[in-house]
C-alpha atoms as a PDB file:
ATOM      1  CA  UNK A   1    -135.696 188.818 -43.597  1.00  0.00           C
ATOM      2  CA  UNK A   2    -137.810 188.984 -40.419  1.00  0.00           C
ATOM      3  CA  UNK A   3    -136.827 186.133 -38.074  1.00  0.00           C
ATOM      4  CA  UNK A   4    -138.418 187.194 -34.773  1.00  0.00           C
ATOM      5  CA  UNK A   5    -141.698 185.367 -35.504  1.00  0.00           C
ATOM      6  CA  UNK A   6    -140.117 182.167 -36.838  1.00  0.00           C
ATOM      7  CA  UNK A   7    -140.457 178.939 -34.860  1.00  0.00           C
ATOM      8  CA  UNK A   8    -137.213 178.120 -32.986  1.00  0.00           C
ATOM      9  CA  UNK A   9    -137.638 174.398 -33.583  1.00  0.00           C
ATOM     10  CA  UNK A  10    -137.909 175.014 -37.309  1.00  0.00           C
ATOM     11  CA  UNK A  11    -134.811 177.214 -37.225  1.00  0.00           C
ATOM     12  CA  UNK A  12    -132.888 174.540 -35.321  1.00  0.00           C
ATOM     13  CA  UNK A  13    -133.847 171.969 -37.949  1.00  0.00           C
ATOM     14  CA  UNK A  14    -132.989 174.426 -40.714  1.00  0.00           C
ATOM     15  CA  UNK A  15    -129.500 174.950 -39.272  1.00  0.00           C
ATOM     16  CA  UNK A  16    -128.928 171.192 -39.043  1.00  0.00           C
ATOM     17  CA  UNK A  17    -129.915 170.774 -42.711  1.00  0.00           C
ATOM     18  CA  UNK A  18    -127.744 173.727 -43.713  1.00  0.00           C
ATOM     19  CA  UNK A  19    -124.694 172.355 -41.888  1.00  0.00           C
ATOM     20  CA  UNK A  20    -125.071 168.684 -42.781  1.00  0.00           C
ATOM     21  CA  UNK A  21    -126.036 169.254 -46.423  1.00  0.00           C
ATOM     22  CA  UNK A  22    -128.942 166.824 -46.386  1.00  0.00           C
ATOM     23  CA  UNK A  23    -132.278 166.109 -44.751  1.00  0.00           C
ATOM     24  CA  UNK A  24    -131.028 162.661 -43.791  1.00  0.00           C
ATOM     25  CA  UNK A  25    -127.938 164.074 -42.090  1.00  0.00           C
ATOM     26  CA  UNK A  26    -130.038 166.613 -40.219  1.00  0.00           C
ATOM     27  CA  UNK A  27    -132.419 163.895 -39.069  1.00  0.00           C
ATOM     28  CA  UNK A  28    -129.467 161.926 -37.696  1.00  0.00           C
ATOM     29  CA  UNK A  29    -128.144 164.992 -35.881  1.00  0.00           C
ATOM     30  CA  UNK A  30    -131.483 165.835 -34.296  1.00  0.00           C
ATOM     31  CA  UNK A  31    -132.832 162.367 -33.618  1.00  0.00           C
ATOM     32  CA  UNK A  32    -135.782 162.940 -35.944  1.00  0.00           C
ATOM     33  CA  UNK A  33    -137.152 161.012 -38.890  1.00  0.00           C
ATOM     34  CA  UNK A  34    -136.271 162.204 -42.371  1.00  0.00           C
ATOM     35  CA  UNK A  35    -139.962 162.857 -43.264  1.00  0.00           C
ATOM     36  CA  UNK A  36    -140.266 165.043 -40.143  1.00  0.00           C
ATOM     37  CA  UNK A  37    -137.283 167.122 -41.246  1.00  0.00           C
ATOM     38  CA  UNK A  38    -138.763 167.465 -44.745  1.00  0.00           C
ATOM     39  CA  UNK A  39    -142.105 168.570 -43.303  1.00  0.00           C
ATOM     40  CA  UNK A  40    -140.475 171.126 -41.037  1.00  0.00           C
ATOM     41  CA  UNK A  41    -138.451 172.621 -43.884  1.00  0.00           C
ATOM     42  CA  UNK A  42    -141.562 172.948 -46.016  1.00  0.00           C
ATOM     43  CA  UNK A  43    -143.265 174.726 -43.111  1.00  0.00           C
ATOM     44  CA  UNK A  44    -140.321 177.114 -42.722  1.00  0.00           C
ATOM     45  CA  UNK A  45    -140.326 177.860 -46.436  1.00  0.00           C
ATOM     46  CA  UNK A  46    -144.027 178.695 -46.205  1.00  0.00           C
ATOM     47  CA  UNK A  47    -143.325 181.021 -43.263  1.00  0.00           C
ATOM     48  CA  UNK A  48    -140.514 182.817 -45.060  1.00  0.00           C
ATOM     49  CA  UNK A  49    -142.171 182.728 -48.462  1.00  0.00           C
ATOM     50  CA  UNK A  50    -138.835 181.774 -50.006  1.00  0.00           C
ATOM     51  CA  UNK A  51    -137.131 178.574 -51.158  1.00  0.00           C
ATOM     52  CA  UNK A  52    -134.321 177.669 -48.762  1.00  0.00           C
ATOM     53  CA  UNK A  53    -132.732 174.597 -50.325  1.00  0.00           C
ATOM     54  CA  UNK A  54    -132.270 173.311 -53.830  1.00  0.00           C
ATOM     55  CA  UNK A  55    -132.767 169.555 -53.957  1.00  0.00           C
ATOM     56  CA  UNK A  56    -129.906 167.618 -55.535  1.00  0.00           C
ATOM     57  CA  UNK A  57    -129.566 163.928 -56.456  1.00  0.00           C
ATOM     58  CA  UNK A  58    -127.600 163.551 -53.223  1.00  0.00           C
ATOM     59  CA  UNK A  59    -128.441 166.046 -50.519  1.00  0.00           C
ATOM     60  CA  UNK A  60    -129.349 169.712 -50.824  1.00  0.00           C
ATOM     61  CA  UNK A  61    -127.578 172.995 -51.456  1.00  0.00           C
ATOM     62  CA  UNK A  62    -128.592 176.256 -49.727  1.00  0.00           C
ATOM     63  CA  UNK A  63    -130.059 179.110 -51.719  1.00  0.00           C
ATOM     64  CA  UNK A  64    -128.813 182.686 -51.144  1.00  0.00           C
ATOM     65  CA  UNK A  65    -131.817 183.159 -48.838  1.00  0.00           C
ATOM     66  CA  UNK A  66    -130.655 180.207 -46.739  1.00  0.00           C
ATOM     67  CA  UNK A  67    -127.117 181.576 -46.625  1.00  0.00           C
ATOM     68  CA  UNK A  68    -128.447 184.865 -45.257  1.00  0.00           C
ATOM     69  CA  UNK A  69    -130.688 183.134 -42.728  1.00  0.00           C
ATOM     70  CA  UNK A  70    -127.888 180.843 -41.490  1.00  0.00           C
ATOM     71  CA  UNK A  71    -125.572 183.810 -40.992  1.00  0.00           C
ATOM     72  CA  UNK A  72    -128.186 185.462 -38.774  1.00  0.00           C
ATOM     73  CA  UNK A  73    -129.337 182.522 -36.649  1.00  0.00           C
ATOM     74  CA  UNK A  74    -126.298 180.229 -36.304  1.00  0.00           C
ATOM     75  CA  UNK A  75    -124.508 182.020 -33.466  1.00  0.00           C
ATOM     76  CA  UNK A  76    -127.655 182.720 -31.366  1.00  0.00           C
ATOM     77  CA  UNK A  77    -128.880 179.136 -31.735  1.00  0.00           C
ATOM     78  CA  UNK A  78    -125.477 177.720 -30.793  1.00  0.00           C
ATOM     79  CA  UNK A  79    -125.354 179.943 -27.728  1.00  0.00           C
ATOM     80  CA  UNK A  80    -128.873 178.883 -26.764  1.00  0.00           C
ATOM     81  CA  UNK A  81    -127.918 175.227 -27.150  1.00  0.00           C
ATOM     82  CA  UNK A  82    -124.899 175.785 -24.897  1.00  0.00           C
ATOM     83  CA  UNK A  83    -127.054 177.356 -22.185  1.00  0.00           C
ATOM     84  CA  UNK A  84    -129.862 174.796 -22.442  1.00  0.00           C
ATOM     85  CA  UNK A  85    -127.652 171.726 -22.848  1.00  0.00           C
ATOM     86  CA  UNK A  86    -129.041 168.958 -20.705  1.00  0.00           C
ATOM     87  CA  UNK A  87    -126.947 167.159 -18.117  1.00  0.00           C
ATOM     88  CA  UNK A  88    -127.072 163.362 -17.877  1.00  0.00           C
ATOM     89  CA  UNK A  89    -129.670 161.881 -15.594  1.00  0.00           C
ATOM     90  CA  UNK A  90    -128.665 161.269 -12.000  1.00  0.00           C
ATOM     91  CA  UNK A  91    -126.489 158.178 -11.851  1.00  0.00           C
ATOM     92  CA  UNK A  92    -126.286 158.073 -15.639  1.00  0.00           C
ATOM     93  CA  UNK A  93    -123.427 158.868 -17.987  1.00  0.00           C
ATOM     94  CA  UNK A  94    -123.167 161.336 -20.827  1.00  0.00           C
ATOM     95  CA  UNK A  95    -122.824 159.995 -24.349  1.00  0.00           C
ATOM     96  CA  UNK A  96    -119.265 159.367 -25.596  1.00  0.00           C
ATOM     97  CA  UNK A  97    -117.505 162.308 -27.206  1.00  0.00           C
ATOM     98  CA  UNK A  98    -116.639 161.534 -30.817  1.00  0.00           C
ATOM     99  CA  UNK A  99    -113.271 163.134 -31.539  1.00  0.00           C
ATOM    100  CA  UNK A 100    -111.356 162.924 -34.818  1.00  0.00           C
ATOM    101  CA  UNK A 101    -108.139 164.293 -36.307  1.00  0.00           C
ATOM    102  CA  UNK A 102    -104.645 163.405 -37.537  1.00  0.00           C
ATOM    103  CA  UNK A 103    -103.485 160.093 -36.077  1.00  0.00           C
ATOM    104  CA  UNK A 104    -100.062 161.406 -35.085  1.00  0.00           C
ATOM    105  CA  UNK A 105    -101.279 164.440 -33.147  1.00  0.00           C
ATOM    106  CA  UNK A 106    -104.098 162.524 -31.489  1.00  0.00           C
ATOM    107  CA  UNK A 107    -101.934 159.627 -30.362  1.00  0.00           C
ATOM    108  CA  UNK A 108     -98.858 161.549 -29.219  1.00  0.00           C
ATOM    109  CA  UNK A 109    -100.340 164.752 -27.792  1.00  0.00           C
ATOM    110  CA  UNK A 110    -104.123 164.955 -27.601  1.00  0.00           C
ATOM    111  CA  UNK A 111    -105.015 161.644 -25.973  1.00  0.00           C
ATOM    112  CA  UNK A 112    -102.340 161.949 -23.249  1.00  0.00           C
ATOM    113  CA  UNK A 113    -103.646 165.458 -22.527  1.00  0.00           C
ATOM    114  CA  UNK A 114    -107.200 164.142 -22.159  1.00  0.00           C
ATOM    115  CA  UNK A 115    -106.241 161.329 -19.781  1.00  0.00           C
ATOM    116  CA  UNK A 116    -107.444 163.256 -16.669  1.00  0.00           C
ATOM    117  CA  UNK A 117    -110.897 163.688 -18.216  1.00  0.00           C
ATOM    118  CA  UNK A 118    -111.114 159.996 -19.063  1.00  0.00           C
ATOM    119  CA  UNK A 119    -110.088 159.136 -15.506  1.00  0.00           C
ATOM    120  CA  UNK A 120    -112.910 161.432 -14.370  1.00  0.00           C
ATOM    121  CA  UNK A 121    -115.510 159.520 -16.368  1.00  0.00           C
ATOM    122  CA  UNK A 122    -115.520 161.126 -19.828  1.00  0.00           C
ATOM    123  CA  UNK A 123    -115.824 158.564 -22.603  1.00  0.00           C
ATOM    124  CA  UNK A 124    -114.108 159.066 -25.954  1.00  0.00           C
ATOM    125  CA  UNK A 125    -114.581 157.516 -29.375  1.00  0.00           C
ATOM    126  CA  UNK A 126    -111.594 158.489 -31.498  1.00  0.00           C
ATOM    127  CA  UNK A 127    -111.253 158.391 -35.287  1.00  0.00           C
ATOM    128  CA  UNK A 128    -108.274 159.334 -37.449  1.00  0.00           C
ATOM    129  CA  UNK A 129    -107.962 160.518 -41.016  1.00  0.00           C
ATOM    130  CA  UNK A 130    -107.385 163.423 -43.365  1.00  0.00           C
ATOM    131  CA  UNK A 131    -108.994 166.788 -42.701  1.00  0.00           C
ATOM    132  CA  UNK A 132    -111.404 167.103 -45.645  1.00  0.00           C
ATOM    133  CA  UNK A 133    -113.120 163.711 -45.193  1.00  0.00           C
ATOM    134  CA  UNK A 134    -113.279 164.229 -41.428  1.00  0.00           C
ATOM    135  CA  UNK A 135    -114.965 167.624 -41.858  1.00  0.00           C
ATOM    136  CA  UNK A 136    -117.509 166.065 -44.220  1.00  0.00           C
ATOM    137  CA  UNK A 137    -118.225 163.449 -41.567  1.00  0.00           C
ATOM    138  CA  UNK A 138    -118.472 166.189 -38.947  1.00  0.00           C
ATOM    139  CA  UNK A 139    -121.158 167.948 -40.987  1.00  0.00           C
ATOM    140  CA  UNK A 140    -122.991 164.636 -41.296  1.00  0.00           C
ATOM    141  CA  UNK A 141    -122.998 164.215 -37.524  1.00  0.00           C
ATOM    142  CA  UNK A 142    -120.471 161.372 -37.193  1.00  0.00           C
ATOM    143  CA  UNK A 143    -118.130 163.383 -34.958  1.00  0.00           C
ATOM    144  CA  UNK A 144    -118.538 166.013 -32.251  1.00  0.00           C
ATOM    145  CA  UNK A 145    -115.106 167.621 -32.549  1.00  0.00           C
ATOM    146  CA  UNK A 146    -112.465 167.493 -35.276  1.00  0.00           C
ATOM    147  CA  UNK A 147    -108.899 168.718 -35.136  1.00  0.00           C
ATOM    148  CA  UNK A 148    -108.341 170.050 -38.656  1.00  0.00           C
ATOM    149  CA  UNK A 149    -105.067 170.983 -40.324  1.00  0.00           C
ATOM    150  CA  UNK A 150    -106.839 173.719 -42.308  1.00  0.00           C
ATOM    151  CA  UNK A 151    -109.606 176.161 -41.369  1.00  0.00           C
ATOM    152  CA  UNK A 152    -112.993 174.972 -42.696  1.00  0.00           C
ATOM    153  CA  UNK A 153    -114.419 177.056 -45.502  1.00  0.00           C
ATOM    154  CA  UNK A 154    -117.692 178.856 -45.153  1.00  0.00           C
ATOM    155  CA  UNK A 155    -119.730 179.505 -42.026  1.00  0.00           C
ATOM    156  CA  UNK A 156    -121.275 176.099 -41.454  1.00  0.00           C
ATOM    157  CA  UNK A 157    -118.786 174.994 -38.775  1.00  0.00           C
ATOM    158  CA  UNK A 158    -117.272 176.794 -35.814  1.00  0.00           C
ATOM    159  CA  UNK A 159    -113.450 176.625 -35.741  1.00  0.00           C
ATOM    160  CA  UNK A 160    -110.933 178.101 -33.317  1.00  0.00           C
ATOM    161  CA  UNK A 161    -107.110 177.905 -33.542  1.00  0.00           C
ATOM    162  CA  UNK A 162    -105.804 175.114 -31.332  1.00  0.00           C
ATOM    163  CA  UNK A 163    -102.067 174.750 -31.852  1.00  0.00           C
ATOM    164  CA  UNK A 164     -99.224 175.623 -34.221  1.00  0.00           C
ATOM    165  CA  UNK A 165     -96.888 172.914 -35.456  1.00  0.00           C
ATOM    166  CA  UNK A 166     -93.411 173.809 -36.663  1.00  0.00           C
ATOM    167  CA  UNK A 167     -91.746 171.691 -39.353  1.00  0.00           C
ATOM    168  CA  UNK A 168     -88.120 170.584 -39.032  1.00  0.00           C
ATOM    169  CA  UNK A 169     -85.685 169.160 -41.600  1.00  0.00           C
ATOM    170  CA  UNK A 170     -84.130 166.135 -39.899  1.00  0.00           C
ATOM    171  CA  UNK A 171     -81.897 163.132 -40.458  1.00  0.00           C
ATOM    172  CA  UNK A 172     -80.056 160.556 -38.388  1.00  0.00           C
ATOM    173  CA  UNK A 173     -76.522 161.307 -37.062  1.00  0.00           C
ATOM    174  CA  UNK A 174     -74.992 158.820 -39.514  1.00  0.00           C
ATOM    175  CA  UNK A 175     -76.225 160.897 -42.460  1.00  0.00           C
ATOM    176  CA  UNK A 176     -75.418 164.212 -40.753  1.00  0.00           C
ATOM    177  CA  UNK A 177     -71.805 163.025 -40.348  1.00  0.00           C
ATOM    178  CA  UNK A 178     -71.596 162.054 -44.022  1.00  0.00           C
ATOM    179  CA  UNK A 179     -72.970 165.423 -45.081  1.00  0.00           C
ATOM    180  CA  UNK A 180     -70.153 167.194 -43.255  1.00  0.00           C
ATOM    181  CA  UNK A 181     -67.675 165.844 -45.792  1.00  0.00           C
ATOM    182  CA  UNK A 182     -66.839 167.561 -49.129  1.00  0.00           C
ATOM    183  CA  UNK A 183     -69.293 167.291 -51.973  1.00  0.00           C
ATOM    184  CA  UNK A 184     -68.240 165.454 -55.135  1.00  0.00           C
ATOM    185  CA  UNK A 185     -66.675 167.692 -57.759  1.00  0.00           C
ATOM    186  CA  UNK A 186     -69.200 169.016 -60.230  1.00  0.00           C
ATOM    187  CA  UNK A 187     -72.208 168.063 -58.079  1.00  0.00           C
ATOM    188  CA  UNK A 188     -74.456 171.121 -57.943  1.00  0.00           C
ATOM    189  CA  UNK A 189     -77.436 169.387 -56.437  1.00  0.00           C
ATOM    190  CA  UNK A 190     -79.609 170.531 -59.350  1.00  0.00           C
ATOM    191  CA  UNK A 191     -81.213 167.094 -59.569  1.00  0.00           C
ATOM    192  CA  UNK A 192     -83.176 167.994 -56.454  1.00  0.00           C
ATOM    193  CA  UNK A 193     -84.517 171.335 -57.569  1.00  0.00           C
ATOM    194  CA  UNK A 194     -86.626 173.019 -60.203  1.00  0.00           C
ATOM    195  CA  UNK A 195     -87.403 176.623 -60.974  1.00  0.00           C
ATOM    196  CA  UNK A 196     -84.279 178.248 -59.527  1.00  0.00           C
ATOM    197  CA  UNK A 197     -84.794 181.979 -59.400  1.00  0.00           C
ATOM    198  CA  UNK A 198     -82.186 184.633 -60.159  1.00  0.00           C
ATOM    199  CA  UNK A 199     -79.231 184.327 -57.820  1.00  0.00           C
ATOM    200  CA  UNK A 200     -80.161 180.747 -56.821  1.00  0.00           C
ATOM    201  CA  UNK A 201     -77.317 178.971 -58.592  1.00  0.00           C
ATOM    202  CA  UNK A 202     -75.031 176.492 -56.830  1.00  0.00           C
ATOM    203  CA  UNK A 203     -72.579 179.246 -55.829  1.00  0.00           C
ATOM    204  CA  UNK A 204     -75.222 181.461 -54.246  1.00  0.00           C
ATOM    205  CA  UNK A 205     -75.646 179.341 -51.100  1.00  0.00           C
ATOM    206  CA  UNK A 206     -72.723 178.584 -48.764  1.00  0.00           C
ATOM    207  CA  UNK A 207     -72.061 174.997 -47.750  1.00  0.00           C
ATOM    208  CA  UNK A 208     -71.688 174.797 -43.971  1.00  0.00           C
ATOM    209  CA  UNK A 209     -71.451 171.496 -42.143  1.00  0.00           C
ATOM    210  CA  UNK A 210     -74.804 169.745 -41.959  1.00  0.00           C
ATOM    211  CA  UNK A 211     -76.660 169.990 -38.684  1.00  0.00           C
ATOM    212  CA  UNK A 212     -75.183 173.376 -37.771  1.00  0.00           C
ATOM    213  CA  UNK A 213     -78.309 175.177 -36.458  1.00  0.00           C
ATOM    214  CA  UNK A 214     -78.739 178.819 -37.278  1.00  0.00           C
ATOM    215  CA  UNK A 215     -76.482 178.744 -40.337  1.00  0.00           C
ATOM    216  CA  UNK A 216     -77.530 178.511 -43.972  1.00  0.00           C
ATOM    217  CA  UNK A 217     -77.762 175.085 -45.547  1.00  0.00           C
ATOM    218  CA  UNK A 218     -77.457 174.058 -49.184  1.00  0.00           C
ATOM    219  CA  UNK A 219     -80.285 171.610 -49.949  1.00  0.00           C
ATOM    220  CA  UNK A 220     -78.205 170.284 -52.832  1.00  0.00           C
ATOM    221  CA  UNK A 221     -76.181 168.406 -50.216  1.00  0.00           C
ATOM    222  CA  UNK A 222     -79.144 166.058 -49.906  1.00  0.00           C
ATOM    223  CA  UNK A 223     -78.973 165.008 -53.555  1.00  0.00           C
ATOM    224  CA  UNK A 224     -77.866 161.452 -52.759  1.00  0.00           C
ATOM    225  CA  UNK A 225     -79.698 161.091 -49.453  1.00  0.00           C
ATOM    226  CA  UNK A 226     -82.971 159.092 -49.616  1.00  0.00           C
ATOM    227  CA  UNK A 227     -86.134 161.056 -48.862  1.00  0.00           C
ATOM    228  CA  UNK A 228     -88.690 159.589 -46.471  1.00  0.00           C
ATOM    229  CA  UNK A 229     -92.096 161.244 -46.667  1.00  0.00           C
ATOM    230  CA  UNK A 230     -95.805 161.087 -45.937  1.00  0.00           C
ATOM    231  CA  UNK A 231     -97.092 160.768 -49.522  1.00  0.00           C
ATOM    232  CA  UNK A 232     -95.906 160.548 -53.115  1.00  0.00           C
ATOM    233  CA  UNK A 233     -96.600 164.232 -53.791  1.00  0.00           C
ATOM    234  CA  UNK A 234     -94.295 165.215 -50.873  1.00  0.00           C
ATOM    235  CA  UNK A 235     -96.751 167.746 -49.360  1.00  0.00           C
ATOM    236  CA  UNK A 236     -94.794 168.643 -46.219  1.00  0.00           C
ATOM    237  CA  UNK A 237     -91.345 168.517 -47.805  1.00  0.00           C
ATOM    238  CA  UNK A 238     -92.442 170.626 -50.787  1.00  0.00           C
ATOM    239  CA  UNK A 239     -93.865 173.264 -48.468  1.00  0.00           C
ATOM    240  CA  UNK A 240     -90.633 173.337 -46.461  1.00  0.00           C
ATOM    241  CA  UNK A 241     -88.497 173.753 -49.597  1.00  0.00           C
ATOM    242  CA  UNK A 242     -90.619 176.592 -50.935  1.00  0.00           C
ATOM    243  CA  UNK A 243     -90.838 178.399 -47.592  1.00  0.00           C
ATOM    244  CA  UNK A 244     -87.225 178.025 -46.420  1.00  0.00           C
ATOM    245  CA  UNK A 245     -85.200 177.726 -49.612  1.00  0.00           C
ATOM    246  CA  UNK A 246     -87.488 179.607 -52.011  1.00  0.00           C
ATOM    247  CA  UNK A 247     -87.253 176.716 -54.418  1.00  0.00           C
ATOM    248  CA  UNK A 248     -89.360 173.881 -55.702  1.00  0.00           C
ATOM    249  CA  UNK A 249     -88.457 170.396 -54.560  1.00  0.00           C
ATOM    250  CA  UNK A 250     -88.284 167.799 -57.314  1.00  0.00           C
ATOM    251  CA  UNK A 251     -87.568 164.399 -55.857  1.00  0.00           C
ATOM    252  CA  UNK A 252     -88.868 160.875 -55.888  1.00  0.00           C
ATOM    253  CA  UNK A 253     -89.328 159.553 -52.397  1.00  0.00           C
ATOM    254  CA  UNK A 254     -87.408 156.487 -51.326  1.00  0.00           C
ATOM    255  CA  UNK A 255     -90.039 155.646 -48.698  1.00  0.00           C
ATOM    256  CA  UNK A 256     -93.642 156.830 -48.345  1.00  0.00           C
ATOM    257  CA  UNK A 257     -95.726 155.946 -45.306  1.00  0.00           C
ATOM    258  CA  UNK A 258     -99.072 157.617 -44.549  1.00  0.00           C
ATOM    259  CA  UNK A 259     -98.253 158.076 -40.871  1.00  0.00           C
ATOM    260  CA  UNK A 260     -95.660 160.592 -39.709  1.00  0.00           C
ATOM    261  CA  UNK A 261     -94.690 158.255 -36.886  1.00  0.00           C
ATOM    262  CA  UNK A 262     -93.540 155.820 -39.558  1.00  0.00           C
ATOM    263  CA  UNK A 263     -91.561 158.587 -41.264  1.00  0.00           C
ATOM    264  CA  UNK A 264     -89.962 159.394 -37.909  1.00  0.00           C
ATOM    265  CA  UNK A 265     -89.040 155.761 -37.239  1.00  0.00           C
ATOM    266  CA  UNK A 266     -87.487 155.297 -40.682  1.00  0.00           C
ATOM    267  CA  UNK A 267     -85.480 158.525 -40.557  1.00  0.00           C
ATOM    268  CA  UNK A 268     -84.242 157.851 -37.018  1.00  0.00           C
ATOM    269  CA  UNK A 269     -83.124 154.386 -38.097  1.00  0.00           C
ATOM    270  CA  UNK A 270     -80.959 155.896 -40.839  1.00  0.00           C
ATOM    271  CA  UNK A 271     -83.172 155.487 -43.912  1.00  0.00           C
ATOM    272  CA  UNK A 272     -82.538 159.075 -45.053  1.00  0.00           C
ATOM    273  CA  UNK A 273     -83.978 162.512 -44.327  1.00  0.00           C
ATOM    274  CA  UNK A 274     -87.465 163.920 -43.852  1.00  0.00           C
ATOM    275  CA  UNK A 275     -89.491 166.928 -42.746  1.00  0.00           C
ATOM    276  CA  UNK A 276     -91.450 166.386 -39.535  1.00  0.00           C
ATOM    277  CA  UNK A 277     -93.462 168.434 -37.033  1.00  0.00           C
ATOM    278  CA  UNK A 278     -91.298 169.379 -34.070  1.00  0.00           C
ATOM    279  CA  UNK A 279     -93.754 168.036 -31.485  1.00  0.00           C
ATOM    280  CA  UNK A 280     -93.260 164.568 -32.966  1.00  0.00           C
ATOM    281  CA  UNK A 281     -89.468 164.534 -33.063  1.00  0.00           C
ATOM    282  CA  UNK A 282     -88.446 166.862 -30.218  1.00  0.00           C
ATOM    283  CA  UNK A 283     -87.478 164.050 -27.818  1.00  0.00           C
ATOM    284  CA  UNK A 284     -85.196 162.426 -30.405  1.00  0.00           C
ATOM    285  CA  UNK A 285     -83.649 165.795 -31.256  1.00  0.00           C
ATOM    286  CA  UNK A 286     -82.880 166.415 -27.606  1.00  0.00           C
ATOM    287  CA  UNK A 287     -81.389 162.942 -27.169  1.00  0.00           C
ATOM    288  CA  UNK A 288     -79.224 163.231 -30.296  1.00  0.00           C
ATOM    289  CA  UNK A 289     -80.953 160.354 -32.079  1.00  0.00           C
ATOM    290  CA  UNK A 290     -82.008 162.888 -34.734  1.00  0.00           C
ATOM    291  CA  UNK A 291     -80.222 165.963 -36.095  1.00  0.00           C
ATOM    292  CA  UNK A 292     -81.924 169.141 -37.297  1.00  0.00           C
ATOM    293  CA  UNK A 293     -80.108 170.074 -40.488  1.00  0.00           C
ATOM    294  CA  UNK A 294     -81.279 173.666 -40.242  1.00  0.00           C
ATOM    295  CA  UNK A 295     -82.905 175.959 -37.691  1.00  0.00           C
ATOM    296  CA  UNK A 296     -84.268 178.809 -39.841  1.00  0.00           C
ATOM    297  CA  UNK A 297     -85.378 182.027 -38.199  1.00  0.00           C
ATOM    298  CA  UNK A 298     -88.734 181.699 -39.958  1.00  0.00           C
ATOM    299  CA  UNK A 299     -89.638 177.986 -40.022  1.00  0.00           C
ATOM    300  CA  UNK A 300     -92.784 176.739 -41.755  1.00  0.00           C
ATOM    301  CA  UNK A 301     -95.739 176.745 -39.361  1.00  0.00           C
ATOM    302  CA  UNK A 302     -99.106 175.053 -39.752  1.00  0.00           C
ATOM    303  CA  UNK A 303    -102.071 175.919 -37.524  1.00  0.00           C
ATOM    304  CA  UNK A 304    -104.428 173.222 -36.317  1.00  0.00           C
ATOM    305  CA  UNK A 305    -108.061 174.149 -35.627  1.00  0.00           C
ATOM    306  CA  UNK A 306    -110.553 172.662 -33.206  1.00  0.00           C
ATOM    307  CA  UNK A 307    -113.827 172.408 -35.107  1.00  0.00           C
ATOM    308  CA  UNK A 308    -117.231 172.068 -33.443  1.00  0.00           C
ATOM    309  CA  UNK A 309    -120.096 169.941 -34.691  1.00  0.00           C
ATOM    310  CA  UNK A 310    -123.465 171.719 -34.739  1.00  0.00           C
ATOM    311  CA  UNK A 311    -125.637 170.664 -31.847  1.00  0.00           C
ATOM    312  CA  UNK A 312    -122.746 168.992 -30.016  1.00  0.00           C
ATOM    313  CA  UNK A 313    -123.382 171.159 -26.968  1.00  0.00           C
ATOM    314  CA  UNK A 314    -126.304 168.828 -26.220  1.00  0.00           C
ATOM    315  CA  UNK A 315    -123.642 166.585 -24.662  1.00  0.00           C
ATOM    316  CA  UNK A 316    -121.984 168.432 -21.751  1.00  0.00           C
ATOM    317  CA  UNK A 317    -118.854 166.287 -22.066  1.00  0.00           C
ATOM    318  CA  UNK A 318    -118.221 167.759 -25.523  1.00  0.00           C
ATOM    319  CA  UNK A 319    -117.910 171.156 -23.886  1.00  0.00           C
ATOM    320  CA  UNK A 320    -115.591 169.685 -21.230  1.00  0.00           C
ATOM    321  CA  UNK A 321    -113.307 168.124 -23.842  1.00  0.00           C
ATOM    322  CA  UNK A 322    -113.285 171.268 -25.978  1.00  0.00           C
ATOM    323  CA  UNK A 323    -112.478 173.554 -23.048  1.00  0.00           C
ATOM    324  CA  UNK A 324    -109.831 171.183 -21.707  1.00  0.00           C
ATOM    325  CA  UNK A 325    -108.093 170.892 -25.076  1.00  0.00           C
ATOM    326  CA  UNK A 326    -107.993 174.639 -25.657  1.00  0.00           C
ATOM    327  CA  UNK A 327    -106.425 175.091 -22.218  1.00  0.00           C
ATOM    328  CA  UNK A 328    -103.948 172.219 -22.589  1.00  0.00           C
ATOM    329  CA  UNK A 329    -102.844 173.336 -26.072  1.00  0.00           C
ATOM    330  CA  UNK A 330    -101.313 176.501 -24.642  1.00  0.00           C
ATOM    331  CA  UNK A 331     -98.429 174.357 -23.447  1.00  0.00           C
ATOM    332  CA  UNK A 332     -97.916 172.327 -26.623  1.00  0.00           C
END
């Protein structure tokens, strides 16, 4: 498709529609009326001679022609927006930067890191939530930057790795001390596990004292220890079991709380055991208020991504926050 003769304003509107998934969302991003966006897209379709979007009951979906066009113009238009981004008027202030991500990471790590920028005049509006809804809101223009726990699919958003979080199996010292004692006769721990593979019987894993880093650990020891977790489907704990023990965790949680800081507080108080990101529990591990039951050579790692909203470079403070976070995250 020949793009050299296409109107840049029409291409900018096209990219906003493509990324937001609706004419209304694009209008909000660009500060235009919805009829103006519709008119511009009709004009671009006349110029290209091809249909770009299929109208749906709610929003639009790009045609293959639109997918090809977006792949060609997205990066150049984003770079142009970065170069041409307007600074605030003399004596004025830039718009607030709308930042979203997991509550725990934002509150314990990200916001403290951004304190120097806030002291220098940057304004923040912070939202928390799960990655998928936040990315949908990002596409609709409600946020400028999102810290996502998974890489966004497709090419509609720009994502760069921000930080890796390591997961740790932890409990309070009172439970670690109990786990050092002998297991009841005949207790194989099979109530905790499903789908044992060949060689994964109760005699295949040695039983060292709990909390002995670097040595193997039999998860069956946790059979009678309450599990504290983020959600009923045990997403973090299940991943840890599969990655470290090569087994499937089958447990009913004693406590679920949709905030890892709540999981941390309950486990540290002696409610049971849990799996937590190291950045969240490192201070308590160092003080002895928590015990790592295992320090595997290959712990589960999850990468967080910093995701850019299209057109966000129009606000120079978005670039400042993005650059500052990428630099600060090297030390996390």
